């Protein structure tokens, strides 16, 4: 049975752990707020770009582009967007479980954005084609580099489809793992990620007369499609970061609450043991006095 000294040391240790997890919760909360604002801030641009692309597609006629080439093969590449660090709750576990069960085959090429995904791919024996990390505030350059690897695999004929898997930030409590098709581009869609309080149309068809195209609709579409892919990946990185910090904030809050509950239990046990020790000492003193009095 542990002594009061052991319990006192345990209480001190748990208090230090609670201080650390509480500080990590506050940091994650601040970063989550910035990540959410960044994700929301990109949506008006995405809305306008997708409206314009829908209009271009309507007027482009029989337009052909290497990024829109539909093939009959089943060779796939998967961009796996995970976190670089741990202690993020189940956000990585849920995504990796979904990907492992439904989207990974023996010939699937994996492009990892985040060290946790690369580590899991290596342990699981997946075909890891490339590994990237991205900052807490993902930049467009980082997204463009990741997209280029996927586009090169697709245009070279090494793969026939490219998907992207990420954690969709719905709200602070819910982060939903999702897989979206990136290539080939068969229809113009917005990122179907849902930042709390913000919604964007999944499909944005053309048909208005709002835009004039120079030199031609097909020429504009040929230039915009690569940018469209880069922006899709960038927006998904923003959503993934919002999911990461949200999950981390909740996980650290739960850890802090559990530590505080453990401190209460240990303190109660310590007080009971100390009271029992005091009672035993009083009994010994009383017994000794009774013996001397006799």
Protein backbone atom coordinates (compact mmCIF):
# COMPACT_ATOMS: atom_id res chain seq x y z
CA UNK A 1 0.00 0.00 0.00
CA UNK A 2 1.44 3.43 -0.95
CA UNK A 3 2.48 5.72 1.85
CA UNK A 4 1.30 9.30 2.32
CA UNK A 5 4.65 10.46 0.97
CA UNK A 6 4.10 8.46 -2.25
CA UNK A 7 0.60 9.91 -2.67
CA UNK A 8 1.88 13.44 -2.06
CA UNK A 9 4.50 12.96 -4.76
CA UNK A 10 1.84 11.58 -7.11
CA UNK A 11 -0.37 14.62 -6.50
CA UNK A 12 2.55 16.95 -7.28
CA UNK A 13 3.29 15.05 -10.49
CA UNK A 14 -0.33 15.10 -11.66
CA UNK A 15 -0.59 18.83 -10.91
CA UNK A 16 2.41 19.51 -13.15
CA UNK A 17 0.84 17.40 -15.91
CA UNK A 18 -2.42 19.33 -15.57
CA UNK A 19 -0.54 22.62 -15.92
CA UNK A 20 1.10 21.38 -19.13
CA UNK A 21 -2.13 20.09 -20.69
CA UNK A 22 -3.95 23.28 -19.72
CA UNK A 23 -1.27 25.38 -21.43
CA UNK A 24 -1.46 23.17 -24.54
CA UNK A 25 -5.23 23.58 -24.56
CA UNK A 26 -4.92 27.38 -24.55
CA UNK A 27 -2.35 27.31 -27.37
CA UNK A 28 -4.51 24.97 -29.46
CA UNK A 29 -7.54 27.17 -28.83
CA UNK A 30 -5.73 30.24 -30.16
CA UNK A 31 -4.40 28.38 -33.19
CA UNK A 32 -7.81 26.87 -33.89
CA UNK A 33 -9.37 30.33 -33.97
CA UNK A 34 -6.80 31.49 -36.53
CA UNK A 35 -7.19 28.33 -38.61
CA UNK A 36 -10.96 28.66 -38.64
CA UNK A 37 -10.73 32.30 -39.72
CA UNK A 38 -8.33 31.33 -42.52
CA UNK A 39 -10.68 28.61 -43.77
CA UNK A 40 -13.65 30.96 -43.70
CA UNK A 41 -11.64 33.72 -45.37
CA UNK A 42 -10.93 31.54 -48.40
CA UNK A 43 -14.56 30.76 -49.11
CA UNK A 44 -15.63 33.98 -50.88
CA UNK A 45 -12.73 33.57 -53.31
CA UNK A 46 -13.61 29.91 -53.82
CA UNK A 47 -17.24 30.81 -54.48
CA UNK A 48 -16.34 33.36 -57.14
CA UNK A 49 -13.71 31.16 -58.79
CA UNK A 50 -16.05 28.19 -59.01
CA UNK A 51 -18.86 30.34 -60.40
CA UNK A 52 -16.49 31.60 -63.08
CA UNK A 53 -15.24 28.09 -63.86
CA UNK A 54 -18.82 26.88 -64.16
CA UNK A 55 -19.48 29.70 -66.64
CA UNK A 56 -16.32 28.87 -68.59
CA UNK A 57 -17.26 25.19 -68.83
CA UNK A 58 -20.66 26.18 -70.20
CA UNK A 59 -19.09 28.23 -73.01
CA UNK A 60 -15.96 26.13 -73.68
CA UNK A 61 -17.76 23.59 -75.86
CA UNK A 62 -15.89 20.36 -76.56
CA UNK A 63 -12.91 21.34 -74.45
CA UNK A 64 -10.19 18.77 -73.76
CA UNK A 65 -7.47 19.00 -71.13
CA UNK A 66 -5.04 16.50 -69.67
CA UNK A 67 -6.50 17.08 -66.19
CA UNK A 68 -9.98 16.14 -67.43
CA UNK A 69 -8.96 12.91 -69.16
CA UNK A 70 -11.13 10.01 -67.99
CA UNK A 71 -9.49 6.60 -68.18
CA UNK A 72 -10.75 3.11 -67.59
CA UNK A 73 -7.90 2.01 -65.36
CA UNK A 74 -8.11 1.58 -61.59
CA UNK A 75 -4.61 2.67 -60.57
CA UNK A 76 -4.95 5.29 -57.85
CA UNK A 77 -2.96 7.83 -55.93
CA UNK A 78 -4.08 9.19 -52.58
CA UNK A 79 -3.04 12.48 -51.01
CA UNK A 80 -3.21 11.72 -47.28
CA UNK A 81 -3.53 14.88 -45.18
CA UNK A 82 -2.73 14.22 -41.52
CA UNK A 83 -0.99 16.10 -38.71
CA UNK A 84 2.72 16.47 -38.09
CA UNK A 85 2.38 15.98 -34.32
CA UNK A 86 0.43 13.75 -32.00
CA UNK A 87 -1.81 14.45 -29.00
CA UNK A 88 -4.65 15.38 -31.35
CA UNK A 89 -7.32 13.01 -30.13
CA UNK A 90 -8.77 10.61 -32.70
CA UNK A 91 -8.49 12.90 -35.73
CA UNK A 92 -5.66 10.89 -37.32
CA UNK A 93 -6.94 7.51 -36.15
CA UNK A 94 -10.39 7.99 -37.69
CA UNK A 95 -8.96 9.18 -41.00
CA UNK A 96 -6.40 6.37 -41.26
CA UNK A 97 -9.05 3.79 -40.39
CA UNK A 98 -11.32 5.08 -43.18
CA UNK A 99 -8.48 5.12 -45.69
CA UNK A 100 -7.19 1.66 -44.73
CA UNK A 101 -10.61 0.03 -44.93
CA UNK A 102 -11.88 1.52 -48.18
CA UNK A 103 -9.26 3.32 -50.28
CA UNK A 104 -5.87 1.64 -49.95
CA UNK A 105 -4.99 -1.21 -52.31
CA UNK A 106 -1.69 -2.86 -53.12
CA UNK A 107 -1.00 -0.54 -56.08
CA UNK A 108 -2.17 2.72 -54.44
CA UNK A 109 0.47 5.47 -54.47
CA UNK A 110 0.34 7.53 -51.27
CA UNK A 111 1.36 11.18 -51.12
CA UNK A 112 1.59 12.13 -47.46
CA UNK A 113 0.97 15.67 -46.25
CA UNK A 114 1.87 15.37 -42.58
CA UNK A 115 4.38 13.17 -40.77
CA UNK A 116 1.78 11.02 -39.01
CA UNK A 117 0.43 9.81 -42.33
CA UNK A 118 3.92 9.04 -43.62
CA UNK A 119 4.80 7.12 -40.46
CA UNK A 120 1.64 5.04 -40.69
CA UNK A 121 2.19 4.37 -44.40
CA UNK A 122 5.72 3.14 -43.69
CA UNK A 123 4.57 0.84 -40.89
CA UNK A 124 1.68 -0.51 -42.96
CA UNK A 125 3.87 -1.15 -46.00
CA UNK A 126 2.02 1.25 -48.31
CA UNK A 127 3.63 2.61 -51.47
CA UNK A 128 4.75 6.04 -50.24
CA UNK A 129 5.44 8.18 -53.32
CA UNK A 130 6.22 11.45 -51.50
CA UNK A 131 6.16 13.01 -48.05
CA UNK A 132 5.49 16.64 -47.19
CA UNK A 133 4.90 18.71 -44.09
CA UNK A 134 2.99 21.97 -43.94
CA UNK A 135 2.94 24.90 -41.55
CA UNK A 136 0.33 25.79 -38.95
CA UNK A 137 -0.77 28.40 -41.47
CA UNK A 138 -0.62 26.47 -44.75
CA UNK A 139 0.62 28.54 -47.68
CA UNK A 140 -0.44 28.35 -51.29
CA UNK A 141 3.11 27.38 -52.22
CA UNK A 142 2.93 24.30 -49.99
CA UNK A 143 -0.34 23.29 -51.61
CA UNK A 144 1.08 23.80 -55.11
CA UNK A 145 4.06 21.55 -54.39
CA UNK A 146 1.81 18.76 -53.11
CA UNK A 147 -0.54 19.12 -56.07
CA UNK A 148 2.32 19.03 -58.58
CA UNK A 149 3.37 15.54 -57.46
CA UNK A 150 -0.19 14.27 -57.90
CA UNK A 151 -0.59 15.95 -61.29
CA UNK A 152 2.74 14.52 -62.50
CA UNK A 153 1.64 11.00 -61.53
CA UNK A 154 -1.67 11.49 -63.34
CA UNK A 155 -0.35 13.10 -66.50
CA UNK A 156 2.47 10.55 -66.84
CA UNK A 157 -0.07 7.75 -66.80
CA UNK A 158 1.26 6.13 -63.61
CA UNK A 159 -2.17 6.52 -62.00
CA UNK A 160 -5.68 6.90 -63.44
CA UNK A 161 -7.32 8.59 -60.44
CA UNK A 162 -6.16 10.88 -57.64
CA UNK A 163 -8.11 11.20 -54.38
CA UNK A 164 -7.43 13.35 -51.34
CA UNK A 165 -8.23 12.28 -47.77
CA UNK A 166 -8.50 14.80 -44.95
CA UNK A 167 -10.35 15.61 -41.74
CA UNK A 168 -13.26 17.90 -42.50
CA UNK A 169 -13.71 20.59 -39.86
CA UNK A 170 -17.45 20.71 -39.12
CA UNK A 171 -17.31 22.33 -35.69
CA UNK A 172 -15.21 22.32 -32.56
CA UNK A 173 -16.49 18.92 -31.45
CA UNK A 174 -16.90 17.16 -34.80
CA UNK A 175 -14.16 16.50 -37.33
CA UNK A 176 -15.34 14.19 -40.08
CA UNK A 177 -12.85 12.11 -42.14
CA UNK A 178 -13.57 12.45 -45.85
CA UNK A 179 -12.13 11.39 -49.20
CA UNK A 180 -12.73 13.51 -52.31
CA UNK A 181 -11.82 12.93 -55.93
CA UNK A 182 -9.19 15.36 -57.20
CA UNK A 183 -8.35 13.97 -60.64
CA UNK A 184 -9.67 13.63 -63.25
CA UNK A 185 -11.73 16.82 -63.06
CA UNK A 186 -15.18 15.79 -64.23
CA UNK A 187 -17.16 18.66 -62.70
CA UNK A 188 -16.38 21.92 -60.99
CA UNK A 189 -17.04 21.70 -57.26
CA UNK A 190 -16.22 23.69 -54.20
CA UNK A 191 -14.46 22.08 -51.27
CA UNK A 192 -17.28 20.27 -49.49
CA UNK A 193 -15.78 21.06 -46.12
CA UNK A 194 -18.02 22.79 -43.66
CA UNK A 195 -16.59 25.38 -41.34
CA UNK A 196 -19.11 26.05 -38.61
CA UNK A 197 -21.53 28.77 -39.68
CA UNK A 198 -20.33 28.73 -43.30
CA UNK A 199 -21.76 26.83 -46.22
CA UNK A 200 -20.74 26.75 -49.87
CA UNK A 201 -22.53 25.23 -52.80
CA UNK A 202 -21.20 21.81 -53.74
CA UNK A 203 -21.92 22.42 -57.44
CA UNK A 204 -21.84 25.81 -59.12
CA UNK A 205 -23.05 25.50 -62.72
CA UNK A 206 -22.67 28.26 -65.26
CA UNK A 207 -25.33 29.69 -67.52
CA UNK A 208 -25.21 33.40 -66.72
CA UNK A 209 -23.87 36.17 -68.96
CA UNK A 210 -21.78 37.86 -66.32
CA UNK A 211 -18.30 37.10 -67.72
CA UNK A 212 -16.46 37.96 -70.91
CA UNK A 213 -13.50 35.76 -71.82
CA UNK A 214 -10.33 36.78 -73.65
CA UNK A 215 -8.95 35.24 -75.79
CA UNK A 216 -11.57 32.46 -75.46
CA UNK A 217 -13.44 30.43 -72.88
CA UNK A 218 -11.35 27.34 -73.62
CA UNK A 219 -8.12 29.34 -73.29
CA UNK A 220 -9.20 30.71 -69.90
CA UNK A 221 -10.27 27.26 -68.74
CA UNK A 222 -6.92 25.75 -69.68
CA UNK A 223 -5.14 28.29 -67.49
CA UNK A 224 -7.58 28.10 -64.58
CA UNK A 225 -7.78 24.32 -64.12
CA UNK A 226 -4.29 23.95 -62.56
CA UNK A 227 -5.02 26.92 -60.29
CA UNK A 228 -8.36 25.34 -59.39
CA UNK A 229 -6.58 22.17 -58.24
CA UNK A 230 -4.00 24.12 -56.25
CA UNK A 231 -6.70 26.10 -54.50
CA UNK A 232 -8.70 22.95 -53.70
CA UNK A 233 -5.67 21.42 -51.98
CA UNK A 234 -4.87 24.67 -50.17
CA UNK A 235 -8.41 24.96 -48.84
CA UNK A 236 -8.29 21.33 -47.68
CA UNK A 237 -5.01 22.00 -45.83
CA UNK A 238 -6.72 24.88 -44.05
CA UNK A 239 -9.64 22.64 -43.11
CA UNK A 240 -7.25 19.95 -41.88
CA UNK A 241 -5.42 22.43 -39.65
CA UNK A 242 -8.69 23.64 -38.17
CA UNK A 243 -9.58 20.00 -37.45
CA UNK A 244 -6.17 19.34 -35.90
CA UNK A 245 -6.23 22.25 -33.47
CA UNK A 246 -9.89 21.69 -32.61
CA UNK A 247 -9.28 18.04 -31.80
CA UNK A 248 -6.13 18.91 -29.86
CA UNK A 249 -7.96 21.55 -27.84
CA UNK A 250 -10.70 19.08 -26.89
CA UNK A 251 -8.17 16.34 -26.11
CA UNK A 252 -6.09 18.61 -23.87
CA UNK A 253 -9.21 19.87 -22.09
CA UNK A 254 -10.26 16.29 -21.39
CA UNK A 255 -6.75 15.50 -20.17
CA UNK A 256 -6.79 18.52 -17.85
CA UNK A 257 -10.22 17.59 -16.49
CA UNK A 258 -9.10 13.99 -15.90
CA UNK A 259 -5.95 15.20 -14.14
CA UNK A 260 -7.98 17.49 -11.88
CA UNK A 261 -10.36 14.63 -11.04
CA UNK A 262 -7.40 12.40 -10.26
CA UNK A 263 -5.95 15.10 -8.00
CA UNK A 264 -9.25 15.24 -6.09
CA UNK A 265 -9.28 11.45 -5.66
CA UNK A 266 -5.66 11.34 -4.57
CA UNK A 267 -6.20 14.23 -2.15
CA UNK A 268 -9.18 12.42 -0.63
CA UNK A 269 -7.14 9.23 -0.27
CA UNK A 270 -4.25 11.22 1.24
CA UNK A 271 -6.55 12.88 3.78
CA UNK A 272 -8.11 9.55 4.74
CA UNK A 273 -4.70 7.97 5.27
CA UNK A 274 -3.48 10.96 7.28
CA UNK A 275 -6.64 10.90 9.40
CA UNK A 276 -6.22 7.17 9.97
CA UNK A 277 -2.60 7.74 10.99
CA UNK A 278 -3.62 10.51 13.43
CA UNK A 279 -6.35 8.30 14.87
CA UNK A 280 -3.89 5.44 15.36
CA UNK A 281 -1.43 7.77 17.10
CA UNK A 282 -4.17 9.04 19.42
CA UNK A 283 -5.18 5.48 20.21
CA UNK A 284 -1.59 4.60 21.00
CA UNK A 285 -1.22 7.65 23.28
CA UNK A 286 -4.51 6.88 25.00
CA UNK A 287 -3.59 3.24 25.46
CA UNK A 288 -0.21 4.19 26.87
CA UNK A 289 -1.76 6.64 29.33
CA UNK A 290 -4.29 4.04 30.45
CA UNK A 291 -1.51 1.55 30.96
CA UNK A 292 0.54 3.99 33.02
CA UNK A 293 -2.50 4.99 35.03
CA UNK A 294 -3.15 1.41 35.97
